[in-house]
Amino acid sequence: QVQLVESGGGLVQAGGSLRLSCAASGRSFSSYAMGWFRQAPGKEREFVAAISWIGGSIYYADSVKGRFTMSRDNGKKTAYLQMNSLKPEDTAVYYCAANQGSIATYSGSWGSWGQGTQVTVSS
């Protein structure tokens, strides 16, 4: 198990950018796939992006392709989500997740979660 702490959320105007970070503690971070999910009020948690343990494969939800970029630094035990051209519909609590298994877009497949960080995009 790894422990995850997100940071970098905040309030930004539409068209702006934010960079989320997910710091992990525990052993074997580099063996975990990492993911970002988000949950807006009254909606289910949805997949945003995921990256394989070595960073060779990265997947994005269609709604964020071309605007968001996920990366990881195994030496720093940190995953990142660079969010550009933000839209009001991106407003949500963003959660970091880790999994020793394969990457999945279903949130129930991920074993470890952070506490979340709020992202609010004003129009």
PDB file of N, CA and C in Angstrom:
ATOM      1  N   GLN A   1       0.835  -1.200   0.000  1.00  0.00           N
ATOM      2  CA  GLN A   1       0.000   0.000   0.000  1.00  0.00           C
ATOM      3  C   GLN A   1       0.866   1.244   0.000  1.00  0.00           C
ATOM      4  N   VAL A   2       0.383   2.245  -0.690  1.00  0.00           N
ATOM      5  CA  VAL A   2       1.033   3.549  -0.653  1.00  0.00           C
ATOM      6  C   VAL A   2       0.035   4.554  -0.105  1.00  0.00           C
ATOM      7  N   GLN A   3       0.552   5.595   0.506  1.00  0.00           N
ATOM      8  CA  GLN A   3      -0.270   6.694   0.971  1.00  0.00           C
ATOM      9  C   GLN A   3      -0.086   7.856  -0.002  1.00  0.00           C
ATOM     10  N   LEU A   4      -1.186   8.498  -0.336  1.00  0.00           N
ATOM     11  CA  LEU A   4      -1.180   9.524  -1.377  1.00  0.00           C
ATOM     12  C   LEU A   4      -1.715  10.845  -0.837  1.00  0.00           C
ATOM     13  N   VAL A   5      -1.048  11.939  -1.200  1.00  0.00           N
ATOM     14  CA  VAL A   5      -1.487  13.273  -0.797  1.00  0.00           C
ATOM     15  C   VAL A   5      -1.470  14.180  -2.023  1.00  0.00           C
ATOM     16  N   GLU A   6      -2.645  14.715  -2.373  1.00  0.00           N
ATOM     17  CA  GLU A   6      -2.749  15.619  -3.503  1.00  0.00           C
ATOM     18  C   GLU A   6      -2.543  17.063  -3.072  1.00  0.00           C
ATOM     19  N   SER A   7      -2.080  17.873  -4.000  1.00  0.00           N
ATOM     20  CA  SER A   7      -1.958  19.315  -3.775  1.00  0.00           C
ATOM     21  C   SER A   7      -2.034  20.024  -5.113  1.00  0.00           C
ATOM     22  N   GLY A   8      -2.215  21.350  -5.054  1.00  0.00           N
ATOM     23  CA  GLY A   8      -2.199  22.145  -6.268  1.00  0.00           C
ATOM     24  C   GLY A   8      -3.549  22.613  -6.759  1.00  0.00           C
ATOM     25  N   GLY A   9      -4.622  22.185  -6.101  1.00  0.00           N
ATOM     26  CA  GLY A   9      -5.934  22.647  -6.519  1.00  0.00           C
ATOM     27  C   GLY A   9      -6.142  24.106  -6.179  1.00  0.00           C
ATOM     28  N   GLY A  10      -7.238  24.655  -6.667  1.00  0.00           N
ATOM     29  CA  GLY A  10      -7.545  26.052  -6.383  1.00  0.00           C
ATOM     30  C   GLY A  10      -8.611  26.589  -7.297  1.00  0.00           C
ATOM     31  N   LEU A  11      -8.732  27.909  -7.282  1.00  0.00           N
ATOM     32  CA  LEU A  11      -9.718  28.613  -8.106  1.00  0.00           C
ATOM     33  C   LEU A  11      -8.994  29.262  -9.279  1.00  0.00           C
ATOM     34  N   VAL A  12      -9.497  29.048 -10.476  1.00  0.00           N
ATOM     35  CA  VAL A  12      -8.877  29.605 -11.676  1.00  0.00           C
ATOM     36  C   VAL A  12      -9.963  30.003 -12.651  1.00  0.00           C
ATOM     37  N   GLN A  13      -9.679  30.990 -13.469  1.00  0.00           N
ATOM     38  CA  GLN A  13     -10.645  31.407 -14.483  1.00  0.00           C
ATOM     39  C   GLN A  13     -10.594  30.459 -15.682  1.00  0.00           C
ATOM     40  N   ALA A  14     -11.685  30.396 -16.398  1.00  0.00           N
ATOM     41  CA  ALA A  14     -11.732  29.580 -17.606  1.00  0.00           C
ATOM     42  C   ALA A  14     -10.592  29.978 -18.550  1.00  0.00           C
ATOM     43  N   GLY A  15      -9.960  28.967 -19.121  1.00  0.00           N
ATOM     44  CA  GLY A  15      -8.806  29.205 -19.978  1.00  0.00           C
ATOM     45  C   GLY A  15      -7.480  29.159 -19.246  1.00  0.00           C
ATOM     46  N   GLY A  16      -7.528  29.136 -17.935  1.00  0.00           N
ATOM     47  CA  GLY A  16      -6.316  29.122 -17.132  1.00  0.00           C
ATOM     48  C   GLY A  16      -5.743  27.723 -16.959  1.00  0.00           C
ATOM     49  N   SER A  17      -4.703  27.652 -16.144  1.00  0.00           N
ATOM     50  CA  SER A  17      -3.988  26.394 -15.931  1.00  0.00           C
ATOM     51  C   SER A  17      -3.766  26.131 -14.446  1.00  0.00           C
ATOM     52  N   LEU A  18      -3.674  24.867 -14.116  1.00  0.00           N
ATOM     53  CA  LEU A  18      -3.286  24.415 -12.782  1.00  0.00           C
ATOM     54  C   LEU A  18      -2.442  23.163 -12.938  1.00  0.00           C
ATOM     55  N   ARG A  19      -1.574  22.932 -11.973  1.00  0.00           N
ATOM     56  CA  ARG A  19      -0.787  21.703 -11.947  1.00  0.00           C
ATOM     57  C   ARG A  19      -1.033  21.002 -10.613  1.00  0.00           C
ATOM     58  N   LEU A  20      -1.601  19.824 -10.690  1.00  0.00           N
ATOM     59  CA  LEU A  20      -1.832  19.016  -9.499  1.00  0.00           C
ATOM     60  C   LEU A  20      -0.644  18.088  -9.273  1.00  0.00           C
ATOM     61  N   SER A  21      -0.338  17.869  -8.004  1.00  0.00           N
ATOM     62  CA  SER A  21       0.709  16.938  -7.630  1.00  0.00           C
ATOM     63  C   SER A  21       0.135  15.872  -6.715  1.00  0.00           C
ATOM     64  N   CYS A  22       0.699  14.688  -6.791  1.00  0.00           N
ATOM     65  CA  CYS A  22       0.294  13.584  -5.926  1.00  0.00           C
ATOM     66  C   CYS A  22       1.566  12.977  -5.360  1.00  0.00           C
ATOM     67  N   ALA A  23       1.818  13.240  -4.083  1.00  0.00           N
ATOM     68  CA  ALA A  23       3.013  12.734  -3.420  1.00  0.00           C
ATOM     69  C   ALA A  23       2.694  11.409  -2.739  1.00  0.00           C
ATOM     70  N   ALA A  24       3.536  10.438  -2.973  1.00  0.00           N
ATOM     71  CA  ALA A  24       3.322   9.103  -2.404  1.00  0.00           C
ATOM     72  C   ALA A  24       4.353   8.792  -1.348  1.00  0.00           C
ATOM     73  N   SER A  25       3.934   8.056  -0.365  1.00  0.00           N
ATOM     74  CA  SER A  25       4.862   7.534   0.642  1.00  0.00           C
ATOM     75  C   SER A  25       4.657   6.031   0.712  1.00  0.00           C
ATOM     76  N   GLY A  26       5.672   5.342   1.152  1.00  0.00           N
ATOM     77  CA  GLY A  26       5.610   3.900   1.154  1.00  0.00           C
ATOM     78  C   GLY A  26       6.598   3.336   0.161  1.00  0.00           C
ATOM     79  N   ARG A  27       6.681   2.054   0.129  1.00  0.00           N
ATOM     80  CA  ARG A  27       7.678   1.402  -0.694  1.00  0.00           C
ATOM     81  C   ARG A  27       7.150   1.111  -2.090  1.00  0.00           C
ATOM     82  N   SER A  28       8.074   0.942  -3.003  1.00  0.00           N
ATOM     83  CA  SER A  28       7.767   0.437  -4.335  1.00  0.00           C
ATOM     84  C   SER A  28       6.830   1.332  -5.141  1.00  0.00           C
ATOM     85  N   PHE A  29       6.973   2.650  -4.974  1.00  0.00           N
ATOM     86  CA  PHE A  29       6.126   3.572  -5.749  1.00  0.00           C
ATOM     87  C   PHE A  29       6.266   3.298  -7.229  1.00  0.00           C
ATOM     88  N   SER A  30       7.467   3.013  -7.666  1.00  0.00           N
ATOM     89  CA  SER A  30       7.706   2.851  -9.098  1.00  0.00           C
ATOM     90  C   SER A  30       7.002   1.630  -9.674  1.00  0.00           C
ATOM     91  N   SER A  31       6.503   0.742  -8.838  1.00  0.00           N
ATOM     92  CA  SER A  31       5.813  -0.444  -9.340  1.00  0.00           C
ATOM     93  C   SER A  31       4.305  -0.215  -9.479  1.00  0.00           C
ATOM     94  N   TYR A  32       3.832   0.969  -9.100  1.00  0.00           N
ATOM     95  CA  TYR A  32       2.409   1.275  -9.130  1.00  0.00           C
ATOM     96  C   TYR A  32       2.036   2.061 -10.381  1.00  0.00           C
ATOM     97  N   ALA A  33       0.945   1.683 -11.010  1.00  0.00           N
ATOM     98  CA  ALA A  33       0.310   2.574 -11.969  1.00  0.00           C
ATOM     99  C   ALA A  33      -0.358   3.691 -11.174  1.00  0.00           C
ATOM    100  N   MET A  34      -0.393   4.891 -11.738  1.00  0.00           N
ATOM    101  CA  MET A  34      -0.994   6.041 -11.067  1.00  0.00           C
ATOM    102  C   MET A  34      -2.121   6.588 -11.915  1.00  0.00           C
ATOM    103  N   GLY A  35      -3.128   7.111 -11.241  1.00  0.00           N
ATOM    104  CA  GLY A  35      -4.272   7.645 -11.970  1.00  0.00           C
ATOM    105  C   GLY A  35      -4.824   8.885 -11.318  1.00  0.00           C
ATOM    106  N   TRP A  36      -5.570   9.640 -12.107  1.00  0.00           N
ATOM    107  CA  TRP A  36      -6.330  10.790 -11.606  1.00  0.00           C
ATOM    108  C   TRP A  36      -7.802  10.571 -11.946  1.00  0.00           C
ATOM    109  N   PHE A  37      -8.643  10.796 -10.980  1.00  0.00           N
ATOM    110  CA  PHE A  37     -10.086  10.765 -11.139  1.00  0.00           C
ATOM    111  C   PHE A  37     -10.645  12.089 -10.626  1.00  0.00           C
ATOM    112  N   ARG A  38     -11.894  12.374 -10.966  1.00  0.00           N
ATOM    113  CA  ARG A  38     -12.537  13.577 -10.447  1.00  0.00           C
ATOM    114  C   ARG A  38     -14.001  13.286 -10.171  1.00  0.00           C
ATOM    115  N   GLN A  39     -14.530  14.069  -9.241  1.00  0.00           N
ATOM    116  CA  GLN A  39     -15.928  13.917  -8.873  1.00  0.00           C
ATOM    117  C   GLN A  39     -16.545  15.284  -8.654  1.00  0.00           C
ATOM    118  N   ALA A  40     -17.533  15.598  -9.477  1.00  0.00           N
ATOM    119  CA  ALA A  40     -18.275  16.839  -9.345  1.00  0.00           C
ATOM    120  C   ALA A  40     -19.489  16.603  -8.449  1.00  0.00           C
ATOM    121  N   PRO A  41     -20.031  17.651  -7.836  1.00  0.00           N
ATOM    122  CA  PRO A  41     -21.197  17.482  -6.964  1.00  0.00           C
ATOM    123  C   PRO A  41     -22.344  16.788  -7.686  1.00  0.00           C
ATOM    124  N   GLY A  42     -22.883  15.759  -7.053  1.00  0.00           N
ATOM    125  CA  GLY A  42     -24.028  15.055  -7.614  1.00  0.00           C
ATOM    126  C   GLY A  42     -23.699  14.096  -8.741  1.00  0.00           C
ATOM    127  N   LYS A  43     -22.410  13.939  -9.025  1.00  0.00           N
ATOM    128  CA  LYS A  43     -22.005  13.039 -10.109  1.00  0.00           C
ATOM    129  C   LYS A  43     -21.111  11.927  -9.591  1.00  0.00           C
ATOM    130  N   GLU A  44     -20.980  10.892 -10.385  1.00  0.00           N
ATOM    131  CA  GLU A  44     -20.108   9.788 -10.015  1.00  0.00           C
ATOM    132  C   GLU A  44     -18.641  10.164 -10.275  1.00  0.00           C
ATOM    133  N   ARG A  45     -17.766   9.477  -9.555  1.00  0.00           N
ATOM    134  CA  ARG A  45     -16.338   9.686  -9.793  1.00  0.00           C
ATOM    135  C   ARG A  45     -15.991   9.187 -11.190  1.00  0.00           C
ATOM    136  N   GLU A  46     -15.238  10.001 -11.931  1.00  0.00           N
ATOM    137  CA  GLU A  46     -14.927   9.629 -13.305  1.00  0.00           C
ATOM    138  C   GLU A  46     -13.424   9.633 -13.555  1.00  0.00           C
ATOM    139  N   PHE A  47     -13.013   8.801 -14.472  1.00  0.00           N
ATOM    140  CA  PHE A  47     -11.615   8.670 -14.868  1.00  0.00           C
ATOM    141  C   PHE A  47     -11.168   9.924 -15.603  1.00  0.00           C
ATOM    142  N   VAL A  48      -9.951  10.369 -15.306  1.00  0.00           N
ATOM    143  CA  VAL A  48      -9.369  11.517 -15.993  1.00  0.00           C
ATOM    144  C   VAL A  48      -8.131  11.096 -16.782  1.00  0.00           C
ATOM    145  N   ALA A  49      -7.179  10.460 -16.102  1.00  0.00           N
ATOM    146  CA  ALA A  49      -5.925  10.084 -16.757  1.00  0.00           C
ATOM    147  C   ALA A  49      -5.226   9.020 -15.928  1.00  0.00           C
ATOM    148  N   ALA A  50      -4.344   8.268 -16.576  1.00  0.00           N
ATOM    149  CA  ALA A  50      -3.567   7.261 -15.864  1.00  0.00           C
ATOM    150  C   ALA A  50      -2.248   7.047 -16.581  1.00  0.00           C
ATOM    151  N   ILE A  51      -1.251   6.611 -15.811  1.00  0.00           N
ATOM    152  CA  ILE A  51       0.079   6.397 -16.363  1.00  0.00           C
ATOM    153  C   ILE A  51       0.626   5.092 -15.815  1.00  0.00           C
ATOM    154  N   SER A  52       1.294   4.336 -16.670  1.00  0.00           N
ATOM    155  CA  SER A  52       1.838   3.048 -16.245  1.00  0.00           C
ATOM    156  C   SER A  52       3.011   3.243 -15.292  1.00  0.00           C
ATOM    157  N   TRP A  53       3.461   2.173 -14.679  1.00  0.00           N
ATOM    158  CA  TRP A  53       4.462   2.270 -13.626  1.00  0.00           C
ATOM    159  C   TRP A  53       5.776   2.846 -14.124  1.00  0.00           C
ATOM    160  N   ILE A  54       6.112   2.630 -15.378  1.00  0.00           N
ATOM    161  CA  ILE A  54       7.356   3.160 -15.902  1.00  0.00           C
ATOM    162  C   ILE A  54       7.113   4.410 -16.743  1.00  0.00           C
ATOM    163  N   GLY A  55       5.858   4.775 -16.912  1.00  0.00           N
ATOM    164  CA  GLY A  55       5.528   5.994 -17.643  1.00  0.00           C
ATOM    165  C   GLY A  55       5.457   5.829 -19.142  1.00  0.00           C
ATOM    166  N   GLY A  56       5.545   4.585 -19.608  1.00  0.00           N
ATOM    167  CA  GLY A  56       5.553   4.382 -21.043  1.00  0.00           C
ATOM    168  C   GLY A  56       4.185   4.448 -21.688  1.00  0.00           C
ATOM    169  N   SER A  57       3.143   4.277 -20.895  1.00  0.00           N
ATOM    170  CA  SER A  57       1.778   4.322 -21.420  1.00  0.00           C
ATOM    171  C   SER A  57       0.972   5.313 -20.608  1.00  0.00           C
ATOM    172  N   ILE A  58       0.306   6.201 -21.306  1.00  0.00           N
ATOM    173  CA  ILE A  58      -0.525   7.216 -20.658  1.00  0.00           C
ATOM    174  C   ILE A  58      -1.887   7.223 -21.341  1.00  0.00           C
ATOM    175  N   TYR A  59      -2.938   7.290 -20.552  1.00  0.00           N
ATOM    176  CA  TYR A  59      -4.297   7.249 -21.070  1.00  0.00           C
ATOM    177  C   TYR A  59      -5.067   8.466 -20.554  1.00  0.00           C
ATOM    178  N   TYR A  60      -5.958   8.973 -21.386  1.00  0.00           N
ATOM    179  CA  TYR A  60      -6.754  10.143 -21.016  1.00  0.00           C
ATOM    180  C   TYR A  60      -8.222   9.917 -21.352  1.00  0.00           C
ATOM    181  N   ALA A  61      -9.070  10.515 -20.550  1.00  0.00           N
ATOM    182  CA  ALA A  61     -10.483  10.591 -20.912  1.00  0.00           C
ATOM    183  C   ALA A  61     -10.626  11.504 -22.121  1.00  0.00           C
ATOM    184  N   ASP A  62     -11.599  11.224 -22.963  1.00  0.00           N
ATOM    185  CA  ASP A  62     -11.793  12.034 -24.158  1.00  0.00           C
ATOM    186  C   ASP A  62     -12.020  13.497 -23.812  1.00  0.00           C
ATOM    187  N   SER A  63     -12.648  13.746 -22.675  1.00  0.00           N
ATOM    188  CA  SER A  63     -13.004  15.108 -22.296  1.00  0.00           C
ATOM    189  C   SER A  63     -11.793  15.979 -21.953  1.00  0.00           C
ATOM    190  N   VAL A  64     -10.634  15.357 -21.715  1.00  0.00           N
ATOM    191  CA  VAL A  64      -9.452  16.137 -21.332  1.00  0.00           C
ATOM    192  C   VAL A  64      -8.294  15.990 -22.316  1.00  0.00           C
ATOM    193  N   LYS A  65      -8.444  15.135 -23.312  1.00  0.00           N
ATOM    194  CA  LYS A  65      -7.368  14.946 -24.296  1.00  0.00           C
ATOM    195  C   LYS A  65      -6.993  16.259 -24.966  1.00  0.00           C
ATOM    196  N   GLY A  66      -5.698  16.485 -25.064  1.00  0.00           N
ATOM    197  CA  GLY A  66      -5.207  17.706 -25.682  1.00  0.00           C
ATOM    198  C   GLY A  66      -5.124  18.879 -24.733  1.00  0.00           C
ATOM    199  N   ARG A  67      -5.704  18.766 -23.548  1.00  0.00           N
ATOM    200  CA  ARG A  67      -5.670  19.849 -22.556  1.00  0.00           C
ATOM    201  C   ARG A  67      -4.903  19.454 -21.298  1.00  0.00           C
ATOM    202  N   PHE A  68      -5.008  18.207 -20.899  1.00  0.00           N
ATOM    203  CA  PHE A  68      -4.356  17.726 -19.676  1.00  0.00           C
ATOM    204  C   PHE A  68      -3.176  16.833 -20.048  1.00  0.00           C
ATOM    205  N   THR A  69      -2.141  16.877 -19.225  1.00  0.00           N
ATOM    206  CA  THR A  69      -0.974  16.029 -19.414  1.00  0.00           C
ATOM    207  C   THR A  69      -0.582  15.410 -18.083  1.00  0.00           C
ATOM    208  N   MET A  70      -0.505  14.105 -18.062  1.00  0.00           N
ATOM    209  CA  MET A  70      -0.089  13.404 -16.844  1.00  0.00           C
ATOM    210  C   MET A  70       1.357  12.948 -16.983  1.00  0.00           C
ATOM    211  N   SER A  71       2.084  13.028 -15.874  1.00  0.00           N
ATOM    212  CA  SER A  71       3.470  12.582 -15.856  1.00  0.00           C
ATOM    213  C   SER A  71       3.793  12.050 -14.462  1.00  0.00           C
ATOM    214  N   ARG A  72       4.972  11.467 -14.320  1.00  0.00           N
ATOM    215  CA  ARG A  72       5.397  10.977 -13.017  1.00  0.00           C
ATOM    216  C   ARG A  72       6.911  11.086 -12.905  1.00  0.00           C
ATOM    217  N   ASP A  73       7.368  11.233 -11.679  1.00  0.00           N
ATOM    218  CA  ASP A  73       8.789  11.256 -11.363  1.00  0.00           C
ATOM    219  C   ASP A  73       8.991  10.200 -10.278  1.00  0.00           C
ATOM    220  N   ASN A  74       9.469   9.026 -10.664  1.00  0.00           N
ATOM    221  CA  ASN A  74       9.602   7.941  -9.695  1.00  0.00           C
ATOM    222  C   ASN A  74      10.655   8.257  -8.635  1.00  0.00           C
ATOM    223  N   GLY A  75      11.659   9.049  -8.980  1.00  0.00           N
ATOM    224  CA  GLY A  75      12.666   9.430  -7.998  1.00  0.00           C
ATOM    225  C   GLY A  75      12.092  10.295  -6.891  1.00  0.00           C
ATOM    226  N   LYS A  76      11.102  11.105  -7.225  1.00  0.00           N
ATOM    227  CA  LYS A  76      10.444  11.971  -6.237  1.00  0.00           C
ATOM    228  C   LYS A  76       9.163  11.340  -5.698  1.00  0.00           C
ATOM    229  N   LYS A  77       8.813  10.172  -6.182  1.00  0.00           N
ATOM    230  CA  LYS A  77       7.576   9.490  -5.759  1.00  0.00           C
ATOM    231  C   LYS A  77       6.371  10.413  -5.936  1.00  0.00           C
ATOM    232  N   THR A  78       6.303  11.059  -7.063  1.00  0.00           N
ATOM    233  CA  THR A  78       5.244  12.042  -7.296  1.00  0.00           C
ATOM    234  C   THR A  78       4.681  11.885  -8.703  1.00  0.00           C
ATOM    235  N   ALA A  79       3.360  12.000  -8.799  1.00  0.00           N
ATOM    236  CA  ALA A  79       2.678  12.050 -10.083  1.00  0.00           C
ATOM    237  C   ALA A  79       2.084  13.442 -10.250  1.00  0.00           C
ATOM    238  N   TYR A  80       1.949  13.853 -11.490  1.00  0.00           N
ATOM    239  CA  TYR A  80       1.481  15.208 -11.784  1.00  0.00           C
ATOM    240  C   TYR A  80       0.338  15.167 -12.792  1.00  0.00           C
ATOM    241  N   LEU A  81      -0.482  16.215 -12.735  1.00  0.00           N
ATOM    242  CA  LEU A  81      -1.497  16.429 -13.758  1.00  0.00           C
ATOM    243  C   LEU A  81      -1.461  17.902 -14.129  1.00  0.00           C
ATOM    244  N   GLN A  82      -0.921  18.196 -15.302  1.00  0.00           N
ATOM    245  CA  GLN A  82      -0.910  19.554 -15.820  1.00  0.00           C
ATOM    246  C   GLN A  82      -2.215  19.797 -16.550  1.00  0.00           C
ATOM    247  N   MET A  83      -2.959  20.787 -16.110  1.00  0.00           N
ATOM    248  CA  MET A  83      -4.276  21.059 -16.681  1.00  0.00           C
ATOM    249  C   MET A  83      -4.257  22.439 -17.326  1.00  0.00           C
ATOM    250  N   ASN A  84      -4.421  22.476 -18.638  1.00  0.00           N
ATOM    251  CA  ASN A  84      -4.453  23.721 -19.400  1.00  0.00           C
ATOM    252  C   ASN A  84      -5.823  23.928 -20.020  1.00  0.00           C
ATOM    253  N   SER A  85      -6.077  25.140 -20.459  1.00  0.00           N
ATOM    254  CA  SER A  85      -7.351  25.479 -21.114  1.00  0.00           C
ATOM    255  C   SER A  85      -8.538  24.977 -20.294  1.00  0.00           C
ATOM    256  N   LEU A  86      -8.506  25.266 -19.025  1.00  0.00           N
ATOM    257  CA  LEU A  86      -9.543  24.755 -18.122  1.00  0.00           C
ATOM    258  C   LEU A  86     -10.902  25.344 -18.453  1.00  0.00           C
ATOM    259  N   LYS A  87     -11.921  24.521 -18.246  1.00  0.00           N
ATOM    260  CA  LYS A  87     -13.307  24.900 -18.521  1.00  0.00           C
ATOM    261  C   LYS A  87     -14.113  24.788 -17.224  1.00  0.00           C
ATOM    262  N   PRO A  88     -15.228  25.503 -17.128  1.00  0.00           N
ATOM    263  CA  PRO A  88     -16.057  25.381 -15.926  1.00  0.00           C
ATOM    264  C   PRO A  88     -16.478  23.938 -15.633  1.00  0.00           C
ATOM    265  N   GLU A  89     -16.661  23.147 -16.680  1.00  0.00           N
ATOM    266  CA  GLU A  89     -17.068  21.750 -16.474  1.00  0.00           C
ATOM    267  C   GLU A  89     -15.946  20.878 -15.915  1.00  0.00           C
ATOM    268  N   ASP A  90     -14.745  21.419 -15.798  1.00  0.00           N
ATOM    269  CA  ASP A  90     -13.653  20.700 -15.142  1.00  0.00           C
ATOM    270  C   ASP A  90     -13.723  20.839 -13.621  1.00  0.00           C
ATOM    271  N   THR A  91     -14.626  21.668 -13.135  1.00  0.00           N
ATOM    272  CA  THR A  91     -14.758  21.871 -11.702  1.00  0.00           C
ATOM    273  C   THR A  91     -15.147  20.566 -11.009  1.00  0.00           C
ATOM    274  N   ALA A  92     -14.341  20.176 -10.027  1.00  0.00           N
ATOM    275  CA  ALA A  92     -14.563  18.906  -9.316  1.00  0.00           C
ATOM    276  C   ALA A  92     -13.510  18.756  -8.227  1.00  0.00           C
ATOM    277  N   VAL A  93     -13.699  17.760  -7.392  1.00  0.00           N
ATOM    278  CA  VAL A  93     -12.627  17.316  -6.506  1.00  0.00           C
ATOM    279  C   VAL A  93     -11.815  16.293  -7.284  1.00  0.00           C
ATOM    280  N   TYR A  94     -10.515  16.511  -7.337  1.00  0.00           N
ATOM    281  CA  TYR A  94      -9.626  15.624  -8.082  1.00  0.00           C
ATOM    282  C   TYR A  94      -8.911  14.693  -7.109  1.00  0.00           C
ATOM    283  N   TYR A  95      -8.957  13.409  -7.436  1.00  0.00           N
ATOM    284  CA  TYR A  95      -8.361  12.389  -6.589  1.00  0.00           C
ATOM    285  C   TYR A  95      -7.227  11.680  -7.320  1.00  0.00           C
ATOM    286  N   CYS A  96      -6.183  11.417  -6.579  1.00  0.00           N
ATOM    287  CA  CYS A  96      -5.075  10.616  -7.066  1.00  0.00           C
ATOM    288  C   CYS A  96      -5.296   9.175  -6.618  1.00  0.00           C
ATOM    289  N   ALA A  97      -4.921   8.228  -7.465  1.00  0.00           N
ATOM    290  CA  ALA A  97      -5.083   6.815  -7.141  1.00  0.00           C
ATOM    291  C   ALA A  97      -3.852   6.036  -7.569  1.00  0.00           C
ATOM    292  N   ALA A  98      -3.627   4.919  -6.895  1.00  0.00           N
ATOM    293  CA  ALA A  98      -2.497   4.051  -7.217  1.00  0.00           C
ATOM    294  C   ALA A  98      -2.980   2.604  -7.267  1.00  0.00           C
ATOM    295  N   ASN A  99      -2.324   1.833  -8.121  1.00  0.00           N
ATOM    296  CA  ASN A  99      -2.742   0.451  -8.293  1.00  0.00           C
ATOM    297  C   ASN A  99      -1.562  -0.386  -8.743  1.00  0.00           C
ATOM    298  N   GLN A 100      -1.407  -1.546  -8.131  1.00  0.00           N
ATOM    299  CA  GLN A 100      -0.327  -2.438  -8.553  1.00  0.00           C
ATOM    300  C   GLN A 100      -0.735  -3.299  -9.730  1.00  0.00           C
ATOM    301  N   GLY A 101      -2.009  -3.280 -10.064  1.00  0.00           N
ATOM    302  CA  GLY A 101      -2.478  -4.052 -11.195  1.00  0.00           C
ATOM    303  C   GLY A 101      -2.447  -3.225 -12.470  1.00  0.00           C
ATOM    304  N   SER A 102      -3.217  -3.641 -13.434  1.00  0.00           N
ATOM    305  CA  SER A 102      -3.256  -2.942 -14.703  1.00  0.00           C
ATOM    306  C   SER A 102      -4.075  -1.663 -14.580  1.00  0.00           C
ATOM    307  N   ILE A 103      -3.913  -0.793 -15.536  1.00  0.00           N
ATOM    308  CA  ILE A 103      -4.662   0.459 -15.545  1.00  0.00           C
ATOM    309  C   ILE A 103      -6.114   0.190 -15.925  1.00  0.00           C
ATOM    310  N   ALA A 104      -7.030   0.809 -15.228  1.00  0.00           N
ATOM    311  CA  ALA A 104      -8.458   0.666 -15.514  1.00  0.00           C
ATOM    312  C   ALA A 104      -9.135   2.014 -15.373  1.00  0.00           C
ATOM    313  N   THR A 105     -10.171   2.220 -16.145  1.00  0.00           N
ATOM    314  CA  THR A 105     -10.934   3.466 -16.022  1.00  0.00           C
ATOM    315  C   THR A 105     -12.005   3.357 -14.947  1.00  0.00           C
ATOM    316  N   TYR A 106     -12.232   2.162 -14.448  1.00  0.00           N
ATOM    317  CA  TYR A 106     -13.213   1.952 -13.387  1.00  0.00           C
ATOM    318  C   TYR A 106     -12.568   2.233 -12.043  1.00  0.00           C
ATOM    319  N   SER A 107     -13.140   3.150 -11.268  1.00  0.00           N
ATOM    320  CA  SER A 107     -12.515   3.577 -10.016  1.00  0.00           C
ATOM    321  C   SER A 107     -12.391   2.435  -9.014  1.00  0.00           C
ATOM    322  N   GLY A 108     -13.315   1.478  -9.062  1.00  0.00           N
ATOM    323  CA  GLY A 108     -13.280   0.368  -8.124  1.00  0.00           C
ATOM    324  C   GLY A 108     -12.083  -0.550  -8.286  1.00  0.00           C
ATOM    325  N   SER A 109     -11.356  -0.399  -9.390  1.00  0.00           N
ATOM    326  CA  SER A 109     -10.188  -1.243  -9.641  1.00  0.00           C
ATOM    327  C   SER A 109      -8.927  -0.713  -8.987  1.00  0.00           C
ATOM    328  N   TRP A 110      -8.991   0.486  -8.432  1.00  0.00           N
ATOM    329  CA  TRP A 110      -7.799   1.119  -7.864  1.00  0.00           C
ATOM    330  C   TRP A 110      -7.771   0.906  -6.358  1.00  0.00           C
ATOM    331  N   GLY A 111      -6.592   0.563  -5.846  1.00  0.00           N
ATOM    332  CA  GLY A 111      -6.498   0.146  -4.450  1.00  0.00           C
ATOM    333  C   GLY A 111      -6.225   1.248  -3.449  1.00  0.00           C
ATOM    334  N   SER A 112      -5.538   2.319  -3.850  1.00  0.00           N
ATOM    335  CA  SER A 112      -5.161   3.373  -2.906  1.00  0.00           C
ATOM    336  C   SER A 112      -5.631   4.715  -3.436  1.00  0.00           C
ATOM    337  N   TRP A 113      -6.076   5.573  -2.503  1.00  0.00           N
ATOM    338  CA  TRP A 113      -6.626   6.869  -2.885  1.00  0.00           C
ATOM    339  C   TRP A 113      -6.103   7.966  -1.963  1.00  0.00           C
ATOM    340  N   GLY A 114      -5.972   9.159  -2.537  1.00  0.00           N
ATOM    341  CA  GLY A 114      -5.691  10.333  -1.731  1.00  0.00           C
ATOM    342  C   GLY A 114      -6.990  10.938  -1.227  1.00  0.00           C
ATOM    343  N   GLN A 115      -6.857  12.054  -0.507  1.00  0.00           N
ATOM    344  CA  GLN A 115      -8.025  12.685   0.103  1.00  0.00           C
ATOM    345  C   GLN A 115      -8.729  13.635  -0.854  1.00  0.00           C
ATOM    346  N   GLY A 116      -8.102  13.984  -1.946  1.00  0.00           N
ATOM    347  CA  GLY A 116      -8.704  14.857  -2.945  1.00  0.00           C
ATOM    348  C   GLY A 116      -8.293  16.308  -2.805  1.00  0.00           C
ATOM    349  N   THR A 117      -8.328  17.027  -3.907  1.00  0.00           N
ATOM    350  CA  THR A 117      -8.053  18.464  -3.918  1.00  0.00           C
ATOM    351  C   THR A 117      -9.081  19.147  -4.821  1.00  0.00           C
ATOM    352  N   GLN A 118      -9.625  20.253  -4.350  1.00  0.00           N
ATOM    353  CA  GLN A 118     -10.701  20.935  -5.069  1.00  0.00           C
ATOM    354  C   GLN A 118     -10.139  21.790  -6.201  1.00  0.00           C
ATOM    355  N   VAL A 119     -10.728  21.649  -7.363  1.00  0.00           N
ATOM    356  CA  VAL A 119     -10.439  22.507  -8.519  1.00  0.00           C
ATOM    357  C   VAL A 119     -11.734  23.192  -8.909  1.00  0.00           C
ATOM    358  N   THR A 120     -11.708  24.514  -8.932  1.00  0.00           N
ATOM    359  CA  THR A 120     -12.873  25.294  -9.308  1.00  0.00           C
ATOM    360  C   THR A 120     -12.508  26.221 -10.456  1.00  0.00           C
ATOM    361  N   VAL A 121     -13.256  26.118 -11.549  1.00  0.00           N
ATOM    362  CA  VAL A 121     -13.000  26.936 -12.735  1.00  0.00           C
ATOM    363  C   VAL A 121     -14.188  27.881 -12.919  1.00  0.00           C
ATOM    364  N   SER A 122     -13.918  29.162 -12.843  1.00  0.00           N
ATOM    365  CA  SER A 122     -14.983  30.156 -12.979  1.00  0.00           C
ATOM    366  C   SER A 122     -15.112  30.590 -14.435  1.00  0.00           C
ATOM    367  N   SER A 123     -16.335  30.923 -14.819  1.00  0.00           N
ATOM    368  CA  SER A 123     -16.580  31.330 -16.220  1.00  0.00           C
ATOM    369  C   SER A 123     -16.414  32.819 -16.398  1.00  0.00           C
TER     370      SER A 123
END
